[in-house]
Amino acid sequence: MIKRKDQQTMEMKNPVHPGALVIECLEDLSLSVAEAAKGLGISRQQLHNVIAGRSSVTPEMAIRFEKAFGSTADTWLRMQINYDLAQARKRAHHIIVARLAPKGLDANKERAMKRLKGGFHLGGSPLTREEAHER
């Protein structure tokens, strides 16, 4: 995700699989996949599958990459989730789901709930739950 000046987030349309960064790290270190796998304590095939984009970066693998390459495990996992979400969004038109609503809501209650969706509003200004409760 990218933050703009107005602090809204924009989706990355085509994020790369974290395996692409792994191969760059290996090239920078002049290491083969086999050498890196040995240093990471995983099989060559496991590392190859991540690099090829056939396997996801798991939390454990992210910690291994953090220790080996210096980037944080959080960064590796965010890259993976951004990639996974972008792939799912490409297939979103195949995901058929009906919008759910509470039983027995009439149109006025439904509109009121939509207004409150972003937070509690009194007099046009957003309030926290605590502020709304105090009023």
N, C-alpha and C. Protein backbone atom coordinates (compact mmCIF):
# COMPACT_ATOMS: atom_id res chain seq x y z
N MET A 1 0.83 -1.18 0.00
CA MET A 1 0.00 0.00 0.00
C MET A 1 0.88 1.24 0.00
N ILE A 2 0.37 2.28 -0.62
CA ILE A 2 1.09 3.52 -0.73
C ILE A 2 0.26 4.60 -0.03
N LYS A 3 0.92 5.40 0.81
CA LYS A 3 0.22 6.50 1.49
C LYS A 3 0.37 7.76 0.66
N ARG A 4 -0.75 8.46 0.47
CA ARG A 4 -0.73 9.74 -0.22
C ARG A 4 -0.78 10.84 0.82
N LYS A 5 -0.65 12.08 0.36
CA LYS A 5 -0.66 13.23 1.27
C LYS A 5 -1.91 13.27 2.11
N ASP A 6 -3.05 12.89 1.54
CA ASP A 6 -4.30 12.93 2.30
C ASP A 6 -4.49 11.69 3.16
N GLN A 7 -3.44 10.86 3.27
CA GLN A 7 -3.39 9.68 4.13
C GLN A 7 -4.33 8.55 3.71
N GLN A 8 -4.91 8.62 2.53
CA GLN A 8 -5.68 7.49 2.04
C GLN A 8 -4.70 6.50 1.47
N THR A 9 -5.07 5.23 1.46
CA THR A 9 -4.17 4.23 0.92
C THR A 9 -4.63 3.82 -0.46
N MET A 10 -3.65 3.54 -1.29
CA MET A 10 -3.92 3.04 -2.64
C MET A 10 -3.34 1.63 -2.71
N GLU A 11 -4.02 0.76 -3.39
CA GLU A 11 -3.53 -0.59 -3.55
C GLU A 11 -2.44 -0.61 -4.61
N MET A 12 -1.43 -1.44 -4.38
CA MET A 12 -0.46 -1.69 -5.43
C MET A 12 -1.12 -2.64 -6.41
N LYS A 13 -1.11 -2.31 -7.67
CA LYS A 13 -1.81 -3.11 -8.67
C LYS A 13 -1.13 -4.43 -8.94
N ASN A 14 0.19 -4.43 -8.96
CA ASN A 14 0.90 -5.64 -9.34
C ASN A 14 2.17 -5.84 -8.49
N PRO A 15 2.02 -6.05 -7.18
CA PRO A 15 3.22 -6.23 -6.36
C PRO A 15 3.94 -7.51 -6.74
N VAL A 16 5.24 -7.52 -6.57
CA VAL A 16 6.03 -8.70 -6.91
C VAL A 16 6.00 -9.69 -5.75
N HIS A 17 6.21 -10.94 -6.08
CA HIS A 17 6.33 -11.98 -5.05
C HIS A 17 7.64 -11.72 -4.30
N PRO A 18 7.66 -11.94 -3.00
CA PRO A 18 8.90 -11.69 -2.24
C PRO A 18 10.09 -12.51 -2.73
N GLY A 19 9.82 -13.61 -3.43
CA GLY A 19 10.91 -14.40 -3.97
C GLY A 19 11.79 -13.61 -4.92
N ALA A 20 11.21 -12.61 -5.60
CA ALA A 20 12.01 -11.77 -6.50
C ALA A 20 13.05 -10.99 -5.73
N LEU A 21 12.71 -10.56 -4.52
CA LEU A 21 13.68 -9.85 -3.68
C LEU A 21 14.73 -10.81 -3.12
N VAL A 22 14.31 -12.03 -2.82
CA VAL A 22 15.26 -13.02 -2.31
C VAL A 22 16.37 -13.25 -3.33
N ILE A 23 15.99 -13.44 -4.59
CA ILE A 23 17.01 -13.69 -5.61
C ILE A 23 17.94 -12.50 -5.76
N GLU A 24 17.40 -11.27 -5.62
CA GLU A 24 18.27 -10.09 -5.66
C GLU A 24 19.26 -10.09 -4.50
N CYS A 25 18.79 -10.48 -3.32
CA CYS A 25 19.66 -10.55 -2.14
C CYS A 25 20.78 -11.57 -2.38
N LEU A 26 20.42 -12.71 -2.95
CA LEU A 26 21.42 -13.75 -3.22
C LEU A 26 22.45 -13.27 -4.24
N GLU A 27 21.98 -12.58 -5.27
CA GLU A 27 22.90 -12.05 -6.28
C GLU A 27 23.84 -11.02 -5.67
N ASP A 28 23.30 -10.13 -4.81
CA ASP A 28 24.14 -9.13 -4.15
C ASP A 28 25.20 -9.77 -3.27
N LEU A 29 24.87 -10.91 -2.68
CA LEU A 29 25.81 -11.61 -1.80
C LEU A 29 26.66 -12.63 -2.55
N SER A 30 26.44 -12.76 -3.86
CA SER A 30 27.14 -13.75 -4.69
C SER A 30 26.99 -15.16 -4.15
N LEU A 31 25.77 -15.51 -3.74
CA LEU A 31 25.49 -16.84 -3.20
C LEU A 31 24.60 -17.62 -4.16
N SER A 32 24.84 -18.92 -4.22
CA SER A 32 23.94 -19.79 -4.98
C SER A 32 22.74 -20.12 -4.11
N VAL A 33 21.72 -20.66 -4.74
CA VAL A 33 20.53 -21.08 -3.99
C VAL A 33 20.92 -22.15 -2.97
N ALA A 34 21.76 -23.07 -3.37
CA ALA A 34 22.19 -24.15 -2.46
C ALA A 34 22.95 -23.59 -1.26
N GLU A 35 23.86 -22.65 -1.50
CA GLU A 35 24.63 -22.05 -0.40
C GLU A 35 23.71 -21.27 0.55
N ALA A 36 22.80 -20.52 -0.02
CA ALA A 36 21.88 -19.73 0.81
C ALA A 36 20.97 -20.65 1.61
N ALA A 37 20.47 -21.70 0.97
CA ALA A 37 19.58 -22.64 1.66
C ALA A 37 20.28 -23.25 2.86
N LYS A 38 21.53 -23.62 2.67
CA LYS A 38 22.31 -24.20 3.77
C LYS A 38 22.43 -23.20 4.91
N GLY A 39 22.75 -21.95 4.59
CA GLY A 39 22.87 -20.91 5.61
C GLY A 39 21.56 -20.60 6.30
N LEU A 40 20.45 -20.72 5.56
CA LEU A 40 19.13 -20.46 6.12
C LEU A 40 18.59 -21.65 6.93
N GLY A 41 19.21 -22.81 6.77
CA GLY A 41 18.75 -24.00 7.48
C GLY A 41 17.51 -24.62 6.87
N ILE A 42 17.35 -24.47 5.54
CA ILE A 42 16.23 -25.05 4.82
C ILE A 42 16.75 -25.82 3.62
N SER A 43 15.88 -26.57 2.98
CA SER A 43 16.32 -27.31 1.79
C SER A 43 16.45 -26.37 0.59
N ARG A 44 17.27 -26.78 -0.34
CA ARG A 44 17.43 -26.01 -1.58
C ARG A 44 16.09 -25.89 -2.30
N GLN A 45 15.31 -26.98 -2.27
CA GLN A 45 14.02 -26.99 -2.94
C GLN A 45 13.05 -25.99 -2.31
N GLN A 46 13.05 -25.89 -0.97
CA GLN A 46 12.19 -24.91 -0.30
C GLN A 46 12.52 -23.50 -0.76
N LEU A 47 13.80 -23.18 -0.78
CA LEU A 47 14.22 -21.84 -1.17
C LEU A 47 13.91 -21.60 -2.65
N HIS A 48 14.18 -22.59 -3.48
CA HIS A 48 13.87 -22.46 -4.91
C HIS A 48 12.38 -22.19 -5.12
N ASN A 49 11.51 -22.88 -4.37
CA ASN A 49 10.06 -22.68 -4.51
C ASN A 49 9.63 -21.27 -4.13
N VAL A 50 10.26 -20.69 -3.12
CA VAL A 50 9.94 -19.30 -2.74
C VAL A 50 10.42 -18.36 -3.85
N ILE A 51 11.63 -18.57 -4.31
CA ILE A 51 12.18 -17.71 -5.36
C ILE A 51 11.33 -17.78 -6.63
N ALA A 52 10.85 -18.98 -6.96
CA ALA A 52 10.04 -19.17 -8.17
C ALA A 52 8.60 -18.71 -7.98
N GLY A 53 8.23 -18.32 -6.76
CA GLY A 53 6.87 -17.86 -6.50
C GLY A 53 5.87 -18.99 -6.32
N ARG A 54 6.35 -20.21 -6.16
CA ARG A 54 5.46 -21.36 -5.97
C ARG A 54 5.11 -21.58 -4.50
N SER A 55 5.92 -21.01 -3.61
CA SER A 55 5.66 -21.11 -2.17
C SER A 55 5.60 -19.71 -1.57
N SER A 56 4.79 -19.58 -0.55
CA SER A 56 4.65 -18.30 0.16
C SER A 56 5.72 -18.17 1.22
N VAL A 57 6.00 -16.94 1.60
CA VAL A 57 6.88 -16.68 2.73
C VAL A 57 6.05 -16.86 3.99
N THR A 58 6.39 -17.85 4.79
CA THR A 58 5.70 -18.11 6.05
C THR A 58 6.32 -17.24 7.15
N PRO A 59 5.66 -17.13 8.30
CA PRO A 59 6.28 -16.37 9.40
C PRO A 59 7.66 -16.91 9.78
N GLU A 60 7.83 -18.23 9.81
CA GLU A 60 9.14 -18.79 10.14
C GLU A 60 10.17 -18.43 9.08
N MET A 61 9.78 -18.54 7.81
CA MET A 61 10.70 -18.19 6.72
C MET A 61 11.05 -16.71 6.78
N ALA A 62 10.07 -15.87 7.13
CA ALA A 62 10.31 -14.43 7.24
C ALA A 62 11.37 -14.14 8.31
N ILE A 63 11.32 -14.88 9.41
CA ILE A 63 12.33 -14.70 10.46
C ILE A 63 13.70 -15.14 9.96
N ARG A 64 13.74 -16.23 9.21
CA ARG A 64 15.01 -16.68 8.63
C ARG A 64 15.58 -15.61 7.70
N PHE A 65 14.72 -15.03 6.85
CA PHE A 65 15.17 -13.98 5.93
C PHE A 65 15.62 -12.74 6.69
N GLU A 66 14.89 -12.40 7.76
CA GLU A 66 15.28 -11.26 8.60
C GLU A 66 16.70 -11.45 9.13
N LYS A 67 16.97 -12.63 9.65
CA LYS A 67 18.30 -12.90 10.22
C LYS A 67 19.38 -12.95 9.14
N ALA A 68 19.03 -13.45 7.96
CA ALA A 68 20.03 -13.61 6.91
C ALA A 68 20.28 -12.34 6.10
N PHE A 69 19.21 -11.60 5.80
CA PHE A 69 19.33 -10.48 4.87
C PHE A 69 19.21 -9.11 5.53
N GLY A 70 18.66 -9.04 6.74
CA GLY A 70 18.57 -7.77 7.44
C GLY A 70 17.22 -7.09 7.38
N SER A 71 16.39 -7.37 6.39
CA SER A 71 15.05 -6.79 6.37
C SER A 71 14.23 -7.42 7.49
N THR A 72 13.23 -6.71 7.99
CA THR A 72 12.45 -7.26 9.10
C THR A 72 11.50 -8.35 8.61
N ALA A 73 11.17 -9.24 9.51
CA ALA A 73 10.20 -10.30 9.20
C ALA A 73 8.87 -9.67 8.81
N ASP A 74 8.51 -8.56 9.46
CA ASP A 74 7.27 -7.86 9.12
C ASP A 74 7.25 -7.43 7.66
N THR A 75 8.38 -6.94 7.19
CA THR A 75 8.47 -6.50 5.79
C THR A 75 8.25 -7.67 4.84
N TRP A 76 8.89 -8.80 5.13
CA TRP A 76 8.73 -9.98 4.27
C TRP A 76 7.27 -10.45 4.25
N LEU A 77 6.64 -10.44 5.42
CA LEU A 77 5.24 -10.89 5.49
C LEU A 77 4.30 -9.90 4.82
N ARG A 78 4.58 -8.60 4.95
CA ARG A 78 3.75 -7.60 4.26
C ARG A 78 3.87 -7.75 2.75
N MET A 79 5.08 -8.01 2.28
CA MET A 79 5.26 -8.24 0.84
C MET A 79 4.43 -9.43 0.38
N GLN A 80 4.44 -10.50 1.18
CA GLN A 80 3.70 -11.70 0.81
C GLN A 80 2.19 -11.44 0.81
N ILE A 81 1.69 -10.77 1.84
CA ILE A 81 0.25 -10.53 1.91
C ILE A 81 -0.19 -9.56 0.81
N ASN A 82 0.63 -8.57 0.49
CA ASN A 82 0.29 -7.67 -0.62
C ASN A 82 0.22 -8.42 -1.94
N TYR A 83 1.17 -9.33 -2.14
CA TYR A 83 1.16 -10.15 -3.36
C TYR A 83 -0.08 -11.04 -3.38
N ASP A 84 -0.34 -11.73 -2.27
CA ASP A 84 -1.49 -12.64 -2.21
C ASP A 84 -2.80 -11.91 -2.43
N LEU A 85 -2.95 -10.74 -1.81
CA LEU A 85 -4.18 -9.97 -1.96
C LEU A 85 -4.36 -9.50 -3.40
N ALA A 86 -3.28 -9.06 -4.03
CA ALA A 86 -3.37 -8.62 -5.42
C ALA A 86 -3.80 -9.79 -6.32
N GLN A 87 -3.27 -10.98 -6.04
CA GLN A 87 -3.65 -12.15 -6.84
C GLN A 87 -5.12 -12.48 -6.63
N ALA A 88 -5.59 -12.40 -5.38
CA ALA A 88 -6.99 -12.68 -5.08
C ALA A 88 -7.91 -11.65 -5.73
N ARG A 89 -7.49 -10.38 -5.72
CA ARG A 89 -8.31 -9.34 -6.35
C ARG A 89 -8.46 -9.56 -7.86
N LYS A 90 -7.44 -10.13 -8.48
CA LYS A 90 -7.52 -10.45 -9.91
C LYS A 90 -8.61 -11.49 -10.17
N ARG A 91 -8.88 -12.32 -9.17
CA ARG A 91 -9.90 -13.37 -9.31
C ARG A 91 -11.20 -13.01 -8.61
N ALA A 92 -11.32 -11.79 -8.10
CA ALA A 92 -12.47 -11.39 -7.28
C ALA A 92 -13.79 -11.52 -8.02
N HIS A 93 -13.79 -11.34 -9.33
CA HIS A 93 -15.05 -11.44 -10.08
C HIS A 93 -15.60 -12.87 -10.07
N HIS A 94 -14.78 -13.84 -9.72
CA HIS A 94 -15.23 -15.23 -9.62
C HIS A 94 -15.77 -15.55 -8.22
N ILE A 95 -15.54 -14.67 -7.27
CA ILE A 95 -15.99 -14.89 -5.90
C ILE A 95 -17.38 -14.28 -5.75
N ILE A 96 -18.37 -15.13 -5.64
CA ILE A 96 -19.75 -14.68 -5.56
C ILE A 96 -20.21 -14.74 -4.11
N VAL A 97 -20.50 -13.57 -3.54
CA VAL A 97 -20.94 -13.47 -2.15
C VAL A 97 -22.04 -12.42 -2.08
N ALA A 98 -23.11 -12.76 -1.38
CA ALA A 98 -24.19 -11.79 -1.17
C ALA A 98 -23.84 -10.90 0.01
N ARG A 99 -24.21 -9.63 -0.06
CA ARG A 99 -24.00 -8.70 1.04
C ARG A 99 -24.87 -9.14 2.21
N LEU A 100 -24.29 -9.27 3.40
CA LEU A 100 -25.03 -9.69 4.58
C LEU A 100 -25.56 -8.49 5.34
N ALA A 101 -26.74 -8.65 5.93
CA ALA A 101 -27.35 -7.59 6.74
C ALA A 101 -28.08 -8.25 7.90
N PRO A 102 -28.15 -7.56 9.03
CA PRO A 102 -28.89 -8.11 10.17
C PRO A 102 -30.35 -8.36 9.80
N LYS A 103 -30.92 -9.36 10.39
CA LYS A 103 -32.33 -9.68 10.13
C LYS A 103 -33.22 -8.59 10.68
N GLY A 104 -34.32 -8.30 9.97
CA GLY A 104 -35.35 -7.40 10.46
C GLY A 104 -35.01 -5.93 10.44
N LEU A 105 -33.96 -5.52 9.74
CA LEU A 105 -33.64 -4.10 9.68
C LEU A 105 -34.52 -3.43 8.64
N ASP A 106 -35.14 -2.34 9.00
CA ASP A 106 -35.88 -1.59 7.99
C ASP A 106 -34.91 -0.62 7.31
N ALA A 107 -35.36 0.05 6.29
CA ALA A 107 -34.51 0.92 5.49
C ALA A 107 -33.90 2.05 6.31
N ASN A 108 -34.66 2.65 7.25
CA ASN A 108 -34.13 3.76 8.06
C ASN A 108 -33.00 3.30 8.96
N LYS A 109 -33.16 2.15 9.59
CA LYS A 109 -32.10 1.63 10.45
C LYS A 109 -30.86 1.30 9.63
N GLU A 110 -31.08 0.75 8.45
CA GLU A 110 -29.95 0.40 7.59
C GLU A 110 -29.17 1.65 7.19
N ARG A 111 -29.87 2.73 6.83
CA ARG A 111 -29.20 3.98 6.48
C ARG A 111 -28.44 4.53 7.69
N ALA A 112 -29.01 4.45 8.86
CA ALA A 112 -28.35 4.94 10.07
C ALA A 112 -27.07 4.15 10.33
N MET A 113 -27.12 2.86 10.13
CA MET A 113 -25.93 2.03 10.34
C MET A 113 -24.84 2.40 9.34
N LYS A 114 -25.21 2.69 8.10
CA LYS A 114 -24.22 3.09 7.10
C LYS A 114 -23.54 4.39 7.51
N ARG A 115 -24.31 5.33 8.07
CA ARG A 115 -23.71 6.60 8.50
C ARG A 115 -22.72 6.37 9.63
N LEU A 116 -22.98 5.42 10.48
CA LEU A 116 -22.12 5.15 11.63
C LEU A 116 -20.94 4.26 11.29
N LYS A 117 -20.93 3.71 10.12
CA LYS A 117 -19.90 2.75 9.74
C LYS A 117 -18.49 3.27 9.97
N GLY A 118 -18.22 4.52 9.63
CA GLY A 118 -16.88 5.08 9.78
C GLY A 118 -16.57 5.56 11.18
N GLY A 119 -17.47 5.49 12.11
CA GLY A 119 -17.26 5.98 13.47
C GLY A 119 -18.52 6.64 13.95
N PHE A 120 -18.52 7.11 15.17
CA PHE A 120 -19.68 7.77 15.73
C PHE A 120 -19.63 9.24 15.35
N HIS A 121 -20.74 9.79 14.87
CA HIS A 121 -20.79 11.19 14.44
C HIS A 121 -21.94 11.89 15.15
N LEU A 122 -21.61 12.98 15.83
CA LEU A 122 -22.62 13.84 16.43
C LEU A 122 -22.30 15.25 15.97
N GLY A 123 -23.26 15.91 15.39
CA GLY A 123 -23.03 17.28 14.92
C GLY A 123 -22.05 17.34 13.76
N GLY A 124 -21.86 16.26 13.04
CA GLY A 124 -21.01 16.27 11.87
C GLY A 124 -19.54 15.99 12.12
N SER A 125 -19.11 15.90 13.39
CA SER A 125 -17.69 15.64 13.63
C SER A 125 -17.50 14.22 14.15
N PRO A 126 -16.48 13.52 13.64
CA PRO A 126 -16.25 12.15 14.09
C PRO A 126 -15.81 12.12 15.55
N LEU A 127 -16.30 11.14 16.28
CA LEU A 127 -15.95 10.97 17.69
C LEU A 127 -15.43 9.56 17.92
N THR A 128 -14.60 9.42 18.93
CA THR A 128 -14.20 8.08 19.34
C THR A 128 -15.34 7.46 20.12
N ARG A 129 -15.27 6.15 20.33
CA ARG A 129 -16.31 5.48 21.11
C ARG A 129 -16.42 6.09 22.51
N GLU A 130 -15.29 6.42 23.11
CA GLU A 130 -15.30 6.99 24.47
C GLU A 130 -15.96 8.35 24.50
N GLU A 131 -15.64 9.19 23.48
CA GLU A 131 -16.24 10.52 23.43
C GLU A 131 -17.75 10.43 23.22
N ALA A 132 -18.18 9.51 22.35
CA ALA A 132 -19.59 9.35 22.09
C ALA A 132 -20.33 8.84 23.34
N HIS A 133 -19.68 7.97 24.09
CA HIS A 133 -20.28 7.42 25.29
C HIS A 133 -20.43 8.50 26.37
N GLU A 134 -19.44 9.42 26.46
CA GLU A 134 -19.49 10.50 27.44
C GLU A 134 -20.63 11.46 27.17
N ARG A 135 -20.95 11.67 25.90
CA ARG A 135 -22.02 12.61 25.55
C ARG A 135 -23.34 11.98 25.86
